[in-house]
Amino acid sequence: MIEESKEFYYKALRKTQTTLRCDSVEWEPWLLFFLRCLVRQKENLNLKIEIERQTLERTSPLGAAVVRLLEDTDRITLAEAVKGTGANRNTLKVKINELVETGVLERHGRGRGVFYTRMN
């Protein structure tokens, strides 16, 4: 956020810093900048949440179940997904590959050591 609005950051900082040695420090420019950054960050996070919600709505119930398993942990293996969903291993393999191809999940490793995480 701050990187995107460097100009405003430095202006607000300068305005506040010039009053630090005065009897009355003018905090308003810095606080307004900071609060505006918080509002923009909240809006960005709300947008990400909405995109995530829509992505989950478009996927199948099994795909949504796999993604929900990742809410409790950072990563998951195929065996853990089978155990957590009760789905057939081969069906789950196909579904996880679809989630990887659509960018919902990210595959790490190969073969027996492969695990999956949510895309950031």
N, C-alpha and C. Protein backbone atom coordinates (compact mmCIF):
# COMPACT_ATOMS: atom_id res chain seq x y z
N MET A 1 0.82 -1.20 0.00
CA MET A 1 0.00 0.00 0.00
C MET A 1 0.86 1.26 0.00
N ILE A 2 1.79 1.33 0.92
CA ILE A 2 2.62 2.53 1.06
C ILE A 2 3.47 2.72 -0.18
N GLU A 3 3.97 1.61 -0.72
CA GLU A 3 4.80 1.67 -1.93
C GLU A 3 4.03 2.30 -3.09
N GLU A 4 2.74 2.01 -3.18
CA GLU A 4 1.91 2.53 -4.27
C GLU A 4 1.63 4.02 -4.11
N SER A 5 1.72 4.53 -2.91
CA SER A 5 1.41 5.94 -2.67
C SER A 5 2.55 6.64 -1.94
N LYS A 6 3.76 6.42 -2.43
CA LYS A 6 4.95 7.00 -1.80
C LYS A 6 4.87 8.50 -1.68
N GLU A 7 4.40 9.15 -2.72
CA GLU A 7 4.33 10.62 -2.73
C GLU A 7 3.50 11.13 -1.56
N PHE A 8 2.31 10.55 -1.37
CA PHE A 8 1.44 10.97 -0.28
C PHE A 8 2.03 10.60 1.08
N TYR A 9 2.70 9.46 1.13
CA TYR A 9 3.35 9.03 2.37
C TYR A 9 4.37 10.08 2.82
N TYR A 10 5.25 10.47 1.90
CA TYR A 10 6.30 11.42 2.27
C TYR A 10 5.73 12.81 2.59
N LYS A 11 4.69 13.21 1.88
CA LYS A 11 4.07 14.51 2.20
C LYS A 11 3.48 14.50 3.60
N ALA A 12 2.75 13.46 3.92
CA ALA A 12 2.12 13.36 5.24
C ALA A 12 3.19 13.27 6.33
N LEU A 13 4.22 12.50 6.06
CA LEU A 13 5.30 12.36 7.03
C LEU A 13 6.01 13.69 7.27
N ARG A 14 6.31 14.40 6.18
CA ARG A 14 6.97 15.70 6.31
C ARG A 14 6.13 16.70 7.09
N LYS A 15 4.82 16.74 6.78
CA LYS A 15 3.94 17.68 7.48
C LYS A 15 3.93 17.41 8.98
N THR A 16 3.91 16.15 9.34
CA THR A 16 3.89 15.81 10.76
C THR A 16 5.26 16.03 11.39
N GLN A 17 6.31 15.65 10.70
CA GLN A 17 7.66 15.81 11.27
C GLN A 17 8.04 17.26 11.50
N THR A 18 7.57 18.15 10.64
CA THR A 18 7.92 19.57 10.83
C THR A 18 7.31 20.15 12.10
N THR A 19 6.29 19.50 12.64
CA THR A 19 5.65 20.02 13.86
C THR A 19 6.09 19.29 15.12
N LEU A 20 6.98 18.31 14.99
CA LEU A 20 7.40 17.52 16.15
C LEU A 20 8.08 18.36 17.23
N ARG A 21 8.80 19.39 16.84
CA ARG A 21 9.51 20.21 17.82
C ARG A 21 8.65 21.39 18.31
N CYS A 22 7.44 21.48 17.83
CA CYS A 22 6.53 22.56 18.23
C CYS A 22 5.76 22.14 19.49
N ASP A 23 5.08 23.12 20.06
CA ASP A 23 4.27 22.83 21.24
C ASP A 23 3.10 21.91 20.92
N SER A 24 2.57 22.07 19.71
CA SER A 24 1.41 21.28 19.29
C SER A 24 1.78 20.47 18.03
N VAL A 25 1.90 19.18 18.19
CA VAL A 25 2.26 18.31 17.05
C VAL A 25 1.01 18.08 16.21
N GLU A 26 1.18 18.22 14.91
CA GLU A 26 0.06 18.03 13.97
C GLU A 26 0.10 16.59 13.45
N TRP A 27 -0.67 15.72 14.09
CA TRP A 27 -0.71 14.31 13.73
C TRP A 27 -1.66 14.02 12.59
N GLU A 28 -2.56 14.91 12.30
CA GLU A 28 -3.63 14.65 11.34
C GLU A 28 -3.15 14.18 9.97
N PRO A 29 -2.15 14.83 9.32
CA PRO A 29 -1.75 14.35 7.99
C PRO A 29 -1.29 12.89 8.01
N TRP A 30 -0.48 12.53 8.99
CA TRP A 30 0.01 11.16 9.06
C TRP A 30 -1.12 10.18 9.37
N LEU A 31 -1.98 10.52 10.32
CA LEU A 31 -3.08 9.63 10.67
C LEU A 31 -4.05 9.44 9.50
N LEU A 32 -4.35 10.51 8.79
CA LEU A 32 -5.24 10.39 7.63
C LEU A 32 -4.63 9.48 6.57
N PHE A 33 -3.34 9.67 6.30
CA PHE A 33 -2.67 8.80 5.33
C PHE A 33 -2.75 7.34 5.78
N PHE A 34 -2.42 7.09 7.03
CA PHE A 34 -2.42 5.75 7.57
C PHE A 34 -3.81 5.11 7.50
N LEU A 35 -4.83 5.86 7.91
CA LEU A 35 -6.19 5.32 7.90
C LEU A 35 -6.69 5.07 6.48
N ARG A 36 -6.32 5.95 5.55
CA ARG A 36 -6.69 5.71 4.14
C ARG A 36 -6.03 4.44 3.61
N CYS A 37 -4.79 4.20 4.01
CA CYS A 37 -4.11 2.96 3.61
C CYS A 37 -4.84 1.75 4.17
N LEU A 38 -5.27 1.84 5.42
CA LEU A 38 -6.01 0.73 6.02
C LEU A 38 -7.32 0.46 5.28
N VAL A 39 -8.00 1.51 4.90
CA VAL A 39 -9.26 1.35 4.16
C VAL A 39 -9.00 0.67 2.82
N ARG A 40 -7.96 1.12 2.11
CA ARG A 40 -7.63 0.50 0.81
C ARG A 40 -7.24 -0.96 0.98
N GLN A 41 -6.50 -1.25 2.03
CA GLN A 41 -6.10 -2.64 2.30
C GLN A 41 -7.33 -3.49 2.58
N LYS A 42 -8.26 -2.97 3.37
CA LYS A 42 -9.49 -3.70 3.67
C LYS A 42 -10.28 -3.97 2.40
N GLU A 43 -10.37 -2.97 1.52
CA GLU A 43 -11.08 -3.14 0.25
C GLU A 43 -10.40 -4.20 -0.61
N ASN A 44 -9.07 -4.20 -0.65
CA ASN A 44 -8.35 -5.21 -1.42
C ASN A 44 -8.60 -6.61 -0.87
N LEU A 45 -8.59 -6.74 0.44
CA LEU A 45 -8.84 -8.03 1.05
C LEU A 45 -10.28 -8.49 0.81
N ASN A 46 -11.23 -7.58 0.88
CA ASN A 46 -12.62 -7.94 0.58
C ASN A 46 -12.75 -8.43 -0.85
N LEU A 47 -12.06 -7.80 -1.78
CA LEU A 47 -12.08 -8.22 -3.18
C LEU A 47 -11.49 -9.62 -3.32
N LYS A 48 -10.37 -9.89 -2.64
CA LYS A 48 -9.77 -11.22 -2.70
C LYS A 48 -10.71 -12.28 -2.12
N ILE A 49 -11.37 -11.94 -1.03
CA ILE A 49 -12.33 -12.88 -0.42
C ILE A 49 -13.48 -13.16 -1.37
N GLU A 50 -13.97 -12.15 -2.04
CA GLU A 50 -15.07 -12.32 -2.99
C GLU A 50 -14.65 -13.19 -4.17
N ILE A 51 -13.46 -12.96 -4.68
CA ILE A 51 -12.94 -13.78 -5.79
C ILE A 51 -12.81 -15.23 -5.35
N GLU A 52 -12.30 -15.42 -4.14
CA GLU A 52 -12.15 -16.77 -3.59
C GLU A 52 -13.52 -17.44 -3.44
N ARG A 53 -14.49 -16.71 -2.94
CA ARG A 53 -15.84 -17.26 -2.77
C ARG A 53 -16.43 -17.67 -4.11
N GLN A 54 -16.27 -16.83 -5.12
CA GLN A 54 -16.79 -17.14 -6.45
C GLN A 54 -16.09 -18.35 -7.05
N THR A 55 -14.79 -18.46 -6.82
CA THR A 55 -14.03 -19.60 -7.32
C THR A 55 -14.54 -20.89 -6.69
N LEU A 56 -14.78 -20.85 -5.38
CA LEU A 56 -15.30 -22.04 -4.70
C LEU A 56 -16.70 -22.40 -5.16
N GLU A 57 -17.52 -21.40 -5.47
CA GLU A 57 -18.88 -21.67 -5.95
C GLU A 57 -18.86 -22.35 -7.31
N ARG A 58 -17.86 -22.02 -8.13
CA ARG A 58 -17.78 -22.61 -9.47
C ARG A 58 -17.25 -24.04 -9.45
N THR A 59 -16.54 -24.40 -8.41
CA THR A 59 -15.97 -25.74 -8.34
C THR A 59 -17.01 -26.72 -7.81
N SER A 60 -16.73 -27.98 -7.94
CA SER A 60 -17.66 -29.01 -7.49
C SER A 60 -17.65 -29.10 -5.96
N PRO A 61 -18.62 -29.81 -5.40
CA PRO A 61 -18.62 -29.99 -3.94
C PRO A 61 -17.34 -30.68 -3.44
N LEU A 62 -16.81 -31.61 -4.23
CA LEU A 62 -15.58 -32.29 -3.83
C LEU A 62 -14.40 -31.31 -3.84
N GLY A 63 -14.33 -30.48 -4.86
CA GLY A 63 -13.27 -29.47 -4.92
C GLY A 63 -13.36 -28.51 -3.76
N ALA A 64 -14.57 -28.10 -3.42
CA ALA A 64 -14.77 -27.19 -2.29
C ALA A 64 -14.35 -27.87 -0.98
N ALA A 65 -14.62 -29.18 -0.87
CA ALA A 65 -14.24 -29.93 0.33
C ALA A 65 -12.71 -29.97 0.48
N VAL A 66 -12.01 -30.15 -0.63
CA VAL A 66 -10.54 -30.17 -0.59
C VAL A 66 -10.02 -28.81 -0.15
N VAL A 67 -10.57 -27.74 -0.70
CA VAL A 67 -10.12 -26.40 -0.35
C VAL A 67 -10.42 -26.12 1.12
N ARG A 68 -11.57 -26.58 1.60
CA ARG A 68 -11.91 -26.38 3.02
C ARG A 68 -10.92 -27.11 3.94
N LEU A 69 -10.42 -28.25 3.50
CA LEU A 69 -9.41 -28.96 4.30
C LEU A 69 -8.16 -28.11 4.48
N LEU A 70 -7.87 -27.28 3.50
CA LEU A 70 -6.69 -26.42 3.56
C LEU A 70 -6.91 -25.19 4.44
N GLU A 71 -8.10 -25.00 4.96
CA GLU A 71 -8.33 -23.89 5.88
C GLU A 71 -7.68 -24.17 7.23
N ASP A 72 -7.54 -25.45 7.58
CA ASP A 72 -6.98 -25.83 8.87
C ASP A 72 -5.47 -26.07 8.83
N THR A 73 -4.92 -26.24 7.64
CA THR A 73 -3.51 -26.55 7.50
C THR A 73 -2.94 -25.82 6.29
N ASP A 74 -1.63 -25.67 6.25
CA ASP A 74 -0.99 -24.95 5.15
C ASP A 74 -0.86 -25.80 3.90
N ARG A 75 -0.76 -27.11 4.08
CA ARG A 75 -0.55 -28.01 2.95
C ARG A 75 -1.27 -29.31 3.17
N ILE A 76 -1.48 -30.04 2.06
CA ILE A 76 -2.20 -31.30 2.14
C ILE A 76 -1.65 -32.26 1.09
N THR A 77 -1.64 -33.54 1.43
CA THR A 77 -1.25 -34.57 0.48
C THR A 77 -2.51 -35.24 -0.05
N LEU A 78 -2.34 -36.04 -1.08
CA LEU A 78 -3.47 -36.77 -1.64
C LEU A 78 -4.06 -37.72 -0.59
N ALA A 79 -3.19 -38.40 0.15
CA ALA A 79 -3.67 -39.33 1.18
C ALA A 79 -4.49 -38.60 2.25
N GLU A 80 -4.04 -37.41 2.64
CA GLU A 80 -4.79 -36.63 3.63
C GLU A 80 -6.13 -36.17 3.07
N ALA A 81 -6.15 -35.84 1.78
CA ALA A 81 -7.40 -35.42 1.15
C ALA A 81 -8.37 -36.59 1.07
N VAL A 82 -7.87 -37.78 0.76
CA VAL A 82 -8.73 -38.98 0.73
C VAL A 82 -9.31 -39.21 2.12
N LYS A 83 -8.47 -39.13 3.12
CA LYS A 83 -8.92 -39.35 4.50
C LYS A 83 -9.92 -38.28 4.94
N GLY A 84 -9.67 -37.02 4.57
CA GLY A 84 -10.53 -35.92 4.99
C GLY A 84 -11.86 -35.85 4.27
N THR A 85 -11.89 -36.30 3.02
CA THR A 85 -13.14 -36.21 2.25
C THR A 85 -13.88 -37.54 2.13
N GLY A 86 -13.15 -38.65 2.26
CA GLY A 86 -13.76 -39.96 2.09
C GLY A 86 -13.99 -40.30 0.62
N ALA A 87 -13.45 -39.50 -0.27
CA ALA A 87 -13.65 -39.72 -1.71
C ALA A 87 -12.69 -40.78 -2.24
N ASN A 88 -13.02 -41.32 -3.39
CA ASN A 88 -12.18 -42.28 -4.08
C ASN A 88 -10.86 -41.62 -4.47
N ARG A 89 -9.75 -42.34 -4.29
CA ARG A 89 -8.42 -41.78 -4.55
C ARG A 89 -8.28 -41.29 -5.99
N ASN A 90 -8.73 -42.08 -6.97
CA ASN A 90 -8.58 -41.69 -8.37
C ASN A 90 -9.46 -40.48 -8.72
N THR A 91 -10.66 -40.45 -8.17
CA THR A 91 -11.55 -39.30 -8.39
C THR A 91 -10.92 -38.04 -7.80
N LEU A 92 -10.37 -38.19 -6.64
CA LEU A 92 -9.74 -37.06 -5.96
C LEU A 92 -8.51 -36.58 -6.71
N LYS A 93 -7.75 -37.50 -7.28
CA LYS A 93 -6.58 -37.13 -8.09
C LYS A 93 -6.99 -36.24 -9.25
N VAL A 94 -8.05 -36.64 -9.92
CA VAL A 94 -8.55 -35.86 -11.07
C VAL A 94 -9.02 -34.48 -10.59
N LYS A 95 -9.75 -34.44 -9.49
CA LYS A 95 -10.28 -33.17 -8.97
C LYS A 95 -9.14 -32.25 -8.54
N ILE A 96 -8.13 -32.79 -7.86
CA ILE A 96 -7.00 -31.96 -7.43
C ILE A 96 -6.25 -31.43 -8.65
N ASN A 97 -6.08 -32.26 -9.68
CA ASN A 97 -5.43 -31.77 -10.91
C ASN A 97 -6.22 -30.64 -11.54
N GLU A 98 -7.55 -30.72 -11.51
CA GLU A 98 -8.38 -29.63 -12.03
C GLU A 98 -8.16 -28.36 -11.21
N LEU A 99 -8.10 -28.51 -9.88
CA LEU A 99 -7.88 -27.35 -9.02
C LEU A 99 -6.50 -26.73 -9.26
N VAL A 100 -5.52 -27.55 -9.57
CA VAL A 100 -4.19 -27.04 -9.89
C VAL A 100 -4.24 -26.28 -11.22
N GLU A 101 -4.90 -26.87 -12.22
CA GLU A 101 -4.99 -26.24 -13.55
C GLU A 101 -5.77 -24.92 -13.53
N THR A 102 -6.76 -24.82 -12.67
CA THR A 102 -7.54 -23.58 -12.59
C THR A 102 -6.91 -22.55 -11.67
N GLY A 103 -5.79 -22.91 -11.02
CA GLY A 103 -5.08 -21.94 -10.19
C GLY A 103 -5.59 -21.82 -8.77
N VAL A 104 -6.40 -22.76 -8.34
CA VAL A 104 -6.88 -22.73 -6.96
C VAL A 104 -5.82 -23.33 -6.03
N LEU A 105 -5.19 -24.41 -6.49
CA LEU A 105 -4.15 -25.07 -5.71
C LEU A 105 -2.82 -25.00 -6.46
N GLU A 106 -1.75 -25.15 -5.70
CA GLU A 106 -0.41 -25.20 -6.28
C GLU A 106 0.23 -26.52 -5.87
N ARG A 107 0.81 -27.22 -6.85
CA ARG A 107 1.47 -28.50 -6.61
C ARG A 107 2.93 -28.25 -6.25
N HIS A 108 3.41 -28.98 -5.24
CA HIS A 108 4.80 -28.89 -4.82
C HIS A 108 5.39 -30.30 -4.83
N GLY A 109 6.48 -30.48 -5.52
CA GLY A 109 7.14 -31.78 -5.55
C GLY A 109 6.56 -32.69 -6.62
N ARG A 110 7.07 -33.93 -6.60
CA ARG A 110 6.61 -34.93 -7.57
C ARG A 110 6.53 -36.28 -6.88
N GLY A 111 5.77 -37.16 -7.48
CA GLY A 111 5.69 -38.54 -6.98
C GLY A 111 5.11 -38.63 -5.59
N ARG A 112 5.71 -39.50 -4.79
CA ARG A 112 5.18 -39.77 -3.44
C ARG A 112 5.27 -38.57 -2.51
N GLY A 113 6.18 -37.67 -2.77
CA GLY A 113 6.37 -36.52 -1.88
C GLY A 113 5.55 -35.30 -2.24
N VAL A 114 4.64 -35.42 -3.21
CA VAL A 114 3.88 -34.26 -3.66
C VAL A 114 2.89 -33.81 -2.58
N PHE A 115 2.76 -32.50 -2.46
CA PHE A 115 1.74 -31.92 -1.59
C PHE A 115 1.18 -30.68 -2.27
N TYR A 116 0.07 -30.19 -1.76
CA TYR A 116 -0.65 -29.09 -2.38
C TYR A 116 -0.89 -27.97 -1.38
N THR A 117 -0.83 -26.74 -1.88
CA THR A 117 -1.15 -25.58 -1.06
C THR A 117 -2.12 -24.70 -1.85
N ARG A 118 -2.75 -23.77 -1.15
CA ARG A 118 -3.63 -22.82 -1.84
C ARG A 118 -2.78 -21.78 -2.53
N MET A 119 -3.22 -21.35 -3.69
CA MET A 119 -2.52 -20.29 -4.41
C MET A 119 -2.74 -18.98 -3.65
N ASN A 120 -1.73 -18.15 -3.62
CA ASN A 120 -1.83 -16.86 -2.93
C ASN A 120 -2.33 -15.79 -3.85
